[in-house]
Amino acid sequence: MTRLDYSILWVLVALLVSALTTGCAVFVPPPTPTPTPTVLPTATRTTVPTSAPRVTPSRANVAQAPIRTGTTSPAATVPPSATPTITLTPTRTRTPTITPTSTQAPPPTGRAARLDVTMRSASLGMDQKLRVYLPPSYYDSQRRYPVMYLLHGYGGPYNEWERWGLLDALDPAIRSGIAQPMIVVMPNGLMAQNIPSYFFNHAPTAGGAKWGDYIWKDVVAYVDANYRTLPQRESRAIGGISLGGQGALTLGMTHPEVFKVVGAHSPSFRGPTGWTDLPDAFFGTWEYYNQYDPYWLVQNTTTARELLIGIDVGTDDHNWRECDPGKRCINTFHQLLVEKGIEHDWQDKWTGGHDGITYWSPHMGEYINWYSRKLVGQ
């Protein structure tokens, strides 16, 4: 045995004696486990907790923005009677450089507000609730602000975005200069007995209630008349989660003169089923619903090209992420946009399911940054 071998042996003996005399074993920390998201197997109703987790914006979150895409891939087919009338050349992929920058120096301070408002909707002939957030500096200046109109999911309520931590993330993001100051409006889309309206004008055979006009016409007019907004399409965003994401795509593509920025976060893609009970009856027939259907609008109009569209979906979203070719889901809608050369921000790498706990809440920071970068402020 060499001198080096004896040295190594004495080191090992010393370590053993130390461990026995002190009563402490050598501890090797286990690897941090990867959390397993809770997956909702079949439900499409949005579940709202009594107290949503608080979300703190960070520059790490802000850096994980969606990818700008417009490359070519196989086409998705659309429902009956949706015959394409235009053929367009796909555009090249663009990946934006994401650098969070302050939009105001120094960042704004002062009072912010969260208001519950009741407004009269001429389109619906009834009063409706709004949750309105006014950013820091609103009461201390004469500045005008861009507006985010954010739509809830199937089960609501109207302030669901706040339940998932939007304002907990937005207010400090504005005060720290990560996001520009913005007004947020959360309108109601639930009818009596909490039946979802789907945020479009219903078929005449189901009563014809004008829930789409209520959003783009009544709510926007009310907000512009009562708050210091920037009343231009470049300064208005319409976004939504699940059912609200489908509604945001519909409202953006049917009224690009009102909204420039459209965010669809885990959007659903419901349509006519032939059933006569509510809420299925609201869609009527395909002949009626095509005018509001995002698939048909992409195939038969050019309005999507006038918008800044962002779409995201969780890796474990088993409700609306994937489907067979020719069916309606988020992936085939993304493929349709790509085939048509319609640029859009696309994110399908974030973990989580079709719910707020595992998906929407953890990504409020990314949503805030995306809207802040797209909207034109003062």
Protein backbone atom coordinates (compact mmCIF):
# COMPACT_ATOMS: atom_id res chain seq x y z
CA MET A 1 0.00 0.00 0.00
CA THR A 2 1.43 3.35 -1.02
CA ARG A 3 1.65 6.53 1.02
CA LEU A 4 -1.25 8.00 -1.01
CA ASP A 5 -3.39 4.95 -0.18
CA TYR A 6 -2.68 5.42 3.56
CA SER A 7 -3.64 9.11 3.30
CA ILE A 8 -6.97 8.32 1.72
CA LEU A 9 -7.64 5.60 4.34
CA TRP A 10 -6.93 8.00 7.26
CA VAL A 11 -9.33 10.62 5.74
CA LEU A 12 -12.12 8.05 5.53
CA VAL A 13 -11.52 6.92 9.12
CA ALA A 14 -11.63 10.52 10.35
CA LEU A 15 -14.94 11.17 8.62
CA LEU A 16 -16.45 7.98 10.15
CA VAL A 17 -15.32 8.92 13.66
CA SER A 18 -16.72 12.46 13.28
CA ALA A 19 -20.12 11.17 12.18
CA LEU A 20 -20.35 8.67 15.07
CA THR A 21 -19.31 11.16 17.74
CA THR A 22 -21.62 13.97 16.64
CA GLY A 23 -24.64 11.79 15.84
CA CYS A 24 -25.05 13.52 12.44
CA ALA A 25 -25.15 11.58 9.18
CA VAL A 26 -24.05 13.07 5.90
CA PHE A 27 -27.16 14.54 4.23
CA VAL A 28 -27.58 14.67 0.48
CA PRO A 29 -30.65 16.80 -0.34
CA PRO A 30 -33.13 15.02 -2.62
CA PRO A 31 -33.99 16.58 -5.96
CA THR A 32 -36.85 19.04 -5.91
CA PRO A 33 -39.95 17.14 -7.07
CA THR A 34 -41.77 18.37 -10.12
CA PRO A 35 -45.37 19.23 -9.14
CA THR A 36 -48.01 17.19 -10.90
CA PRO A 37 -50.86 19.43 -12.09
CA THR A 38 -54.41 18.57 -11.18
CA VAL A 39 -56.16 17.75 -14.45
CA LEU A 40 -59.87 18.23 -14.90
CA PRO A 41 -60.76 15.19 -17.04
CA THR A 42 -63.91 16.34 -18.79
CA ALA A 43 -65.32 19.46 -17.18
CA THR A 44 -65.22 22.73 -19.07
CA ARG A 45 -66.74 24.78 -16.27
CA THR A 46 -64.26 27.17 -14.69
CA THR A 47 -63.75 26.43 -10.99
CA VAL A 48 -63.30 29.47 -8.75
CA PRO A 49 -61.68 29.04 -5.33
CA THR A 50 -62.77 30.99 -2.30
CA SER A 51 -59.35 32.53 -2.15
CA ALA A 52 -57.11 32.41 -5.19
CA PRO A 53 -53.33 32.21 -4.78
CA ARG A 54 -51.53 35.51 -4.91
CA VAL A 55 -49.31 35.98 -7.94
CA THR A 56 -46.18 38.09 -7.73
CA PRO A 57 -44.86 39.38 -11.06
CA SER A 58 -41.19 38.85 -11.68
CA ARG A 59 -38.79 39.49 -14.48
CA ALA A 60 -38.37 35.72 -14.78
CA ASN A 61 -42.07 35.37 -15.46
CA VAL A 62 -42.07 38.32 -17.80
CA ALA A 63 -39.32 36.81 -19.91
CA GLN A 64 -41.35 33.73 -20.84
CA ALA A 65 -43.44 35.34 -23.55
CA PRO A 66 -45.18 33.54 -26.42
CA ILE A 67 -43.52 32.94 -29.77
CA ARG A 68 -44.60 34.99 -32.78
CA THR A 69 -45.51 32.58 -35.55
CA GLY A 70 -46.69 32.65 -39.13
CA THR A 71 -45.04 29.63 -40.74
CA THR A 72 -46.70 26.95 -42.82
CA SER A 73 -48.16 23.69 -41.49
CA PRO A 74 -51.05 21.38 -42.50
CA ALA A 75 -54.45 23.04 -42.58
CA ALA A 76 -57.33 22.38 -40.23
CA THR A 77 -60.76 21.95 -41.72
CA VAL A 78 -63.75 23.97 -40.58
CA PRO A 79 -67.42 23.22 -39.91
CA PRO A 80 -69.99 22.69 -42.65
CA SER A 81 -70.76 25.70 -44.87
CA ALA A 82 -67.48 27.40 -43.95
CA THR A 83 -65.98 27.50 -47.46
CA PRO A 84 -62.71 29.43 -47.79
CA THR A 85 -62.91 32.40 -50.12
CA ILE A 86 -59.38 33.75 -49.82
CA THR A 87 -55.92 32.28 -50.42
CA LEU A 88 -53.01 34.06 -48.76
CA THR A 89 -49.27 33.56 -48.65
CA PRO A 90 -47.88 32.58 -45.24
CA THR A 91 -45.45 35.03 -43.69
CA ARG A 92 -42.19 34.17 -42.01
CA THR A 93 -41.86 33.45 -38.32
CA ARG A 94 -40.99 36.37 -36.08
CA THR A 95 -39.67 35.89 -32.57
CA PRO A 96 -39.77 39.19 -30.66
CA THR A 97 -37.03 40.30 -28.32
CA ILE A 98 -38.59 40.49 -24.88
CA THR A 99 -37.02 43.12 -22.66
CA PRO A 100 -39.19 44.45 -19.85
CA THR A 101 -38.79 48.21 -19.77
CA SER A 102 -40.36 50.92 -17.71
CA THR A 103 -42.97 52.90 -19.61
CA GLN A 104 -42.82 55.78 -17.17
CA ALA A 105 -39.85 57.27 -15.33
CA PRO A 106 -40.16 57.14 -12.44
CA PRO A 107 -42.81 54.39 -12.13
CA PRO A 108 -46.23 55.71 -11.06
CA THR A 109 -47.20 56.02 -7.43
CA GLY A 110 -50.31 57.08 -5.61
CA ARG A 111 -53.78 55.66 -5.25
CA ALA A 112 -55.22 52.86 -7.34
CA ALA A 113 -58.84 51.76 -7.18
CA ARG A 114 -60.93 48.63 -7.60
CA LEU A 115 -64.56 49.53 -8.27
CA ASP A 116 -67.79 47.59 -8.57
CA VAL A 117 -69.92 49.41 -11.10
CA THR A 118 -73.49 48.90 -12.30
CA MET A 119 -74.20 50.15 -15.82
CA ARG A 120 -77.25 50.13 -18.05
CA SER A 121 -76.97 48.05 -21.22
CA ALA A 122 -79.21 49.32 -24.00
CA SER A 123 -78.45 46.21 -26.06
CA LEU A 124 -79.72 43.89 -23.32
CA GLY A 125 -82.29 46.23 -21.77
CA MET A 126 -80.97 45.55 -18.27
CA ASP A 127 -78.33 46.57 -15.75
CA GLN A 128 -75.01 44.74 -15.65
CA LYS A 129 -72.06 44.63 -13.24
CA LEU A 130 -68.50 45.56 -14.05
CA ARG A 131 -65.31 45.29 -12.02
CA VAL A 132 -63.06 48.25 -12.91
CA TYR A 133 -59.44 48.68 -11.88
CA LEU A 134 -57.87 52.14 -12.06
CA PRO A 135 -54.05 52.12 -11.93
CA PRO A 136 -51.67 54.05 -9.68
CA SER A 137 -51.47 57.73 -10.68
CA TYR A 138 -55.05 57.77 -12.00
CA TYR A 139 -56.23 60.14 -9.25
CA ASP A 140 -53.05 62.19 -9.27
CA SER A 141 -52.83 63.13 -12.93
CA GLN A 142 -54.82 63.91 -16.06
CA ARG A 143 -53.19 61.10 -17.97
CA ARG A 144 -55.23 58.79 -20.25
CA TYR A 145 -54.80 55.02 -20.22
CA PRO A 146 -55.16 51.93 -22.44
CA VAL A 147 -57.85 49.46 -21.40
CA MET A 148 -57.90 45.66 -21.03
CA TYR A 149 -61.39 44.13 -21.30
CA LEU A 150 -61.10 40.67 -19.73
CA LEU A 151 -63.81 38.01 -20.09
CA HIS A 152 -64.44 35.20 -17.61
CA GLY A 153 -64.86 31.50 -18.27
CA TYR A 154 -67.89 29.21 -18.34
CA GLY A 155 -68.77 29.48 -14.65
CA GLY A 156 -67.63 33.03 -14.05
CA PRO A 157 -68.02 35.17 -12.00
CA TYR A 158 -67.47 38.48 -13.76
CA ASN A 159 -64.36 39.21 -11.65
CA GLU A 160 -62.84 35.77 -12.22
CA TRP A 161 -59.59 37.26 -13.49
CA GLU A 162 -59.16 38.97 -10.16
CA ARG A 163 -59.94 35.71 -8.36
CA TRP A 164 -56.98 34.15 -10.16
CA GLY A 165 -54.63 36.92 -9.02
CA LEU A 166 -54.62 39.45 -11.86
CA LEU A 167 -54.72 42.58 -9.72
CA ASP A 168 -52.33 41.09 -7.15
CA ALA A 169 -49.82 40.82 -10.00
CA LEU A 170 -50.74 43.92 -12.02
CA ASP A 171 -50.59 46.60 -9.35
CA PRO A 172 -47.00 45.87 -8.24
CA ALA A 173 -45.95 45.35 -11.86
CA ILE A 174 -47.13 48.88 -12.68
CA ARG A 175 -45.58 50.38 -9.56
CA SER A 176 -42.24 48.72 -10.30
CA GLY A 177 -42.23 49.79 -13.95
CA ILE A 178 -42.48 46.27 -15.39
CA ALA A 179 -45.90 47.04 -16.93
CA GLN A 180 -47.36 50.28 -18.17
CA PRO A 181 -50.36 51.75 -16.28
CA MET A 182 -53.58 50.25 -17.65
CA ILE A 183 -57.28 50.29 -16.82
CA VAL A 184 -58.86 46.85 -16.46
CA VAL A 185 -62.56 46.13 -17.05
CA MET A 186 -64.15 42.78 -16.18
CA PRO A 187 -67.73 42.56 -17.53
CA ASN A 188 -70.40 40.03 -16.61
CA GLY A 189 -71.38 37.35 -19.11
CA LEU A 190 -73.68 35.21 -16.98
CA MET A 191 -77.44 35.14 -17.41
CA ALA A 192 -80.13 34.08 -14.91
CA GLN A 193 -79.34 30.78 -13.13
CA ASN A 194 -75.69 31.38 -14.08
CA ILE A 195 -76.24 30.27 -17.67
CA PRO A 196 -73.29 31.46 -19.78
CA SER A 197 -74.04 33.91 -22.57
CA TYR A 198 -70.88 33.10 -24.58
CA PHE A 199 -70.45 36.85 -25.30
CA PHE A 200 -72.10 36.82 -28.76
CA ASN A 201 -75.55 37.72 -30.13
CA HIS A 202 -77.80 34.69 -29.69
CA ALA A 203 -79.78 33.04 -32.47
CA PRO A 204 -83.31 34.46 -32.93
CA THR A 205 -84.70 31.00 -32.23
CA ALA A 206 -83.19 31.22 -28.72
CA GLY A 207 -84.35 34.73 -27.89
CA GLY A 208 -81.78 36.76 -29.81
CA ALA A 209 -80.21 38.45 -26.75
CA LYS A 210 -77.39 40.72 -27.93
CA TRP A 211 -74.59 39.75 -25.56
CA GLY A 212 -71.93 40.60 -28.11
CA ASP A 213 -73.28 44.11 -28.71
CA TYR A 214 -73.39 44.58 -24.95
CA ILE A 215 -69.59 44.15 -24.79
CA TRP A 216 -68.25 45.95 -27.85
CA LYS A 217 -70.86 48.69 -27.91
CA ASP A 218 -72.31 49.33 -24.43
CA VAL A 219 -69.42 48.45 -22.14
CA VAL A 220 -66.76 50.18 -24.25
CA ALA A 221 -68.92 53.31 -24.62
CA TYR A 222 -69.60 53.41 -20.88
CA VAL A 223 -65.93 53.06 -19.97
CA ASP A 224 -64.81 55.70 -22.49
CA ALA A 225 -67.47 58.10 -21.19
CA ASN A 226 -66.70 57.65 -17.50
CA TYR A 227 -62.94 57.10 -17.29
CA ARG A 228 -59.85 58.69 -18.82
CA THR A 229 -59.21 56.13 -21.54
CA LEU A 230 -57.35 56.34 -24.82
CA PRO A 231 -60.40 55.85 -27.07
CA GLN A 232 -58.69 54.14 -29.99
CA ARG A 233 -58.43 50.53 -31.12
CA GLU A 234 -54.65 50.42 -30.62
CA SER A 235 -55.23 51.10 -26.92
CA ARG A 236 -57.95 48.48 -26.36
CA ALA A 237 -57.44 44.78 -25.66
CA ILE A 238 -60.10 42.08 -25.43
CA GLY A 239 -58.99 38.89 -23.70
CA GLY A 240 -60.51 35.88 -22.02
CA ILE A 241 -59.97 32.50 -20.42
CA SER A 242 -61.67 29.35 -21.76
CA LEU A 243 -65.16 30.42 -22.89
CA GLY A 244 -64.01 34.02 -22.56
CA GLY A 245 -61.09 33.28 -24.89
CA GLN A 246 -63.51 32.12 -27.56
CA GLY A 247 -65.58 35.26 -26.97
CA ALA A 248 -62.48 37.46 -27.25
CA LEU A 249 -61.58 35.96 -30.64
CA THR A 250 -65.15 36.47 -31.86
CA LEU A 251 -65.37 40.08 -30.66
CA GLY A 252 -61.94 40.97 -32.00
CA MET A 253 -62.56 39.51 -35.45
CA THR A 254 -66.09 40.93 -35.76
CA HIS A 255 -65.10 44.38 -34.45
CA PRO A 256 -61.48 45.13 -35.31
CA GLU A 257 -62.45 48.81 -35.46
CA VAL A 258 -62.90 48.62 -31.66
CA PHE A 259 -60.18 46.18 -30.51
CA LYS A 260 -56.63 45.80 -31.76
CA VAL A 261 -55.19 43.34 -29.20
CA VAL A 262 -56.85 39.93 -28.66
CA GLY A 263 -55.74 37.42 -26.04
CA ALA A 264 -57.20 33.88 -26.06
CA HIS A 265 -56.01 31.93 -23.02
CA SER A 266 -57.03 28.24 -23.23
CA PRO A 267 -59.92 29.22 -25.54
CA SER A 268 -62.83 26.84 -26.02
CA PHE A 269 -64.33 26.34 -29.49
CA ARG A 270 -67.98 25.48 -28.98
CA GLY A 271 -70.56 25.64 -31.75
CA PRO A 272 -74.01 24.42 -32.73
CA THR A 273 -74.85 20.92 -31.47
CA GLY A 274 -78.46 20.62 -32.61
CA TRP A 275 -79.61 20.46 -29.00
CA THR A 276 -82.46 22.77 -28.04
CA ASP A 277 -81.72 23.19 -24.33
CA LEU A 278 -79.72 26.11 -22.96
CA PRO A 279 -77.04 27.20 -23.47
CA ASP A 280 -76.58 25.08 -26.63
CA ALA A 281 -79.61 26.66 -28.27
CA PHE A 282 -77.90 30.08 -28.31
CA PHE A 283 -75.70 28.97 -31.21
CA GLY A 284 -78.63 28.12 -33.48
CA THR A 285 -77.52 26.54 -36.75
CA TRP A 286 -74.12 26.72 -38.44
CA GLU A 287 -75.66 29.00 -41.03
CA TYR A 288 -76.41 31.46 -38.23
CA TYR A 289 -73.36 30.95 -36.04
CA ASN A 290 -70.73 31.14 -38.79
CA GLN A 291 -70.78 34.94 -38.57
CA TYR A 292 -69.40 34.62 -34.99
CA ASP A 293 -67.30 31.48 -35.35
CA PRO A 294 -63.51 32.14 -35.14
CA TYR A 295 -62.80 29.28 -37.59
CA TRP A 296 -65.20 30.61 -40.22
CA LEU A 297 -64.02 34.19 -39.74
CA VAL A 298 -60.40 33.18 -40.35
CA GLN A 299 -61.36 31.22 -43.46
CA ASN A 300 -63.71 33.80 -44.98
CA THR A 301 -62.62 37.26 -43.82
CA THR A 302 -59.40 39.22 -43.45
CA THR A 303 -60.19 40.79 -40.08
CA ALA A 304 -57.78 38.55 -38.14
CA ARG A 305 -54.95 40.23 -40.06
CA GLU A 306 -55.87 43.55 -38.48
CA LEU A 307 -55.31 42.21 -34.95
CA LEU A 308 -52.46 41.40 -32.60
CA ILE A 309 -53.49 37.91 -31.49
CA GLY A 310 -52.02 35.82 -28.67
CA ILE A 311 -53.03 32.21 -27.93
CA ASP A 312 -51.76 29.91 -25.21
CA VAL A 313 -52.68 26.47 -23.85
CA GLY A 314 -51.38 24.29 -21.02
CA THR A 315 -49.47 21.10 -21.68
CA ASP A 316 -52.02 19.15 -19.63
CA ASP A 317 -55.17 20.77 -20.98
CA HIS A 318 -57.17 17.67 -21.92
CA ASN A 319 -60.31 19.70 -22.61
CA TRP A 320 -59.37 21.89 -25.56
CA ARG A 321 -55.69 21.47 -26.45
CA GLU A 322 -55.73 18.60 -28.96
CA CYS A 323 -58.20 16.92 -31.26
CA ASP A 324 -58.33 14.92 -34.49
CA PRO A 325 -57.86 16.72 -37.81
CA GLY A 326 -61.06 18.42 -38.86
CA LYS A 327 -62.24 18.83 -35.26
CA ARG A 328 -62.35 22.03 -33.23
CA CYS A 329 -59.67 22.67 -30.62
CA ILE A 330 -56.81 25.03 -29.85
CA ASN A 331 -54.14 23.18 -31.85
CA THR A 332 -56.20 22.96 -35.05
CA PHE A 333 -57.13 26.65 -34.76
CA HIS A 334 -53.45 27.51 -34.37
CA GLN A 335 -52.67 25.39 -37.44
CA LEU A 336 -55.38 27.19 -39.40
CA LEU A 337 -53.85 30.57 -38.55
CA VAL A 338 -50.44 29.31 -39.57
CA GLU A 339 -51.74 27.95 -42.89
CA LYS A 340 -53.37 31.29 -43.65
CA GLY A 341 -50.16 33.15 -42.81
CA ILE A 342 -51.82 35.07 -39.97
CA GLU A 343 -49.14 36.07 -37.49
CA HIS A 344 -49.97 35.42 -33.86
CA ASP A 345 -48.16 34.84 -30.58
CA TRP A 346 -48.33 31.13 -29.71
CA GLN A 347 -47.40 29.45 -26.43
CA ASP A 348 -47.99 25.72 -25.81
CA LYS A 349 -45.06 24.88 -23.49
CA TRP A 350 -46.39 26.11 -20.14
CA THR A 351 -47.43 23.33 -17.78
CA GLY A 352 -50.93 23.13 -16.35
CA GLY A 353 -54.46 22.07 -17.17
CA HIS A 354 -57.69 23.78 -18.08
CA ASP A 355 -58.13 25.55 -14.76
CA GLY A 356 -56.97 28.52 -12.76
CA ILE A 357 -55.02 26.77 -10.02
CA THR A 358 -52.49 24.94 -12.20
CA TYR A 359 -52.47 27.22 -15.24
CA TRP A 360 -54.07 30.69 -15.45
CA SER A 361 -53.04 31.89 -11.99
CA PRO A 362 -49.34 30.93 -12.29
CA HIS A 363 -49.11 32.79 -15.63
CA MET A 364 -50.71 36.12 -14.74
CA GLY A 365 -47.27 37.74 -14.89
CA GLU A 366 -46.78 36.61 -18.50
CA TYR A 367 -50.28 37.76 -19.47
CA ILE A 368 -49.70 41.20 -17.97
CA ASN A 369 -46.41 41.63 -19.79
CA TRP A 370 -47.92 40.54 -23.12
CA TYR A 371 -50.83 42.98 -22.93
CA SER A 372 -48.56 45.77 -21.71
CA ARG A 373 -46.22 45.35 -24.68
CA LYS A 374 -49.02 45.24 -27.23
CA LEU A 375 -51.17 48.14 -26.07
CA VAL A 376 -50.38 51.72 -27.07
CA GLY A 377 -50.18 53.96 -24.01
CA GLN A 378 -49.75 57.66 -23.50
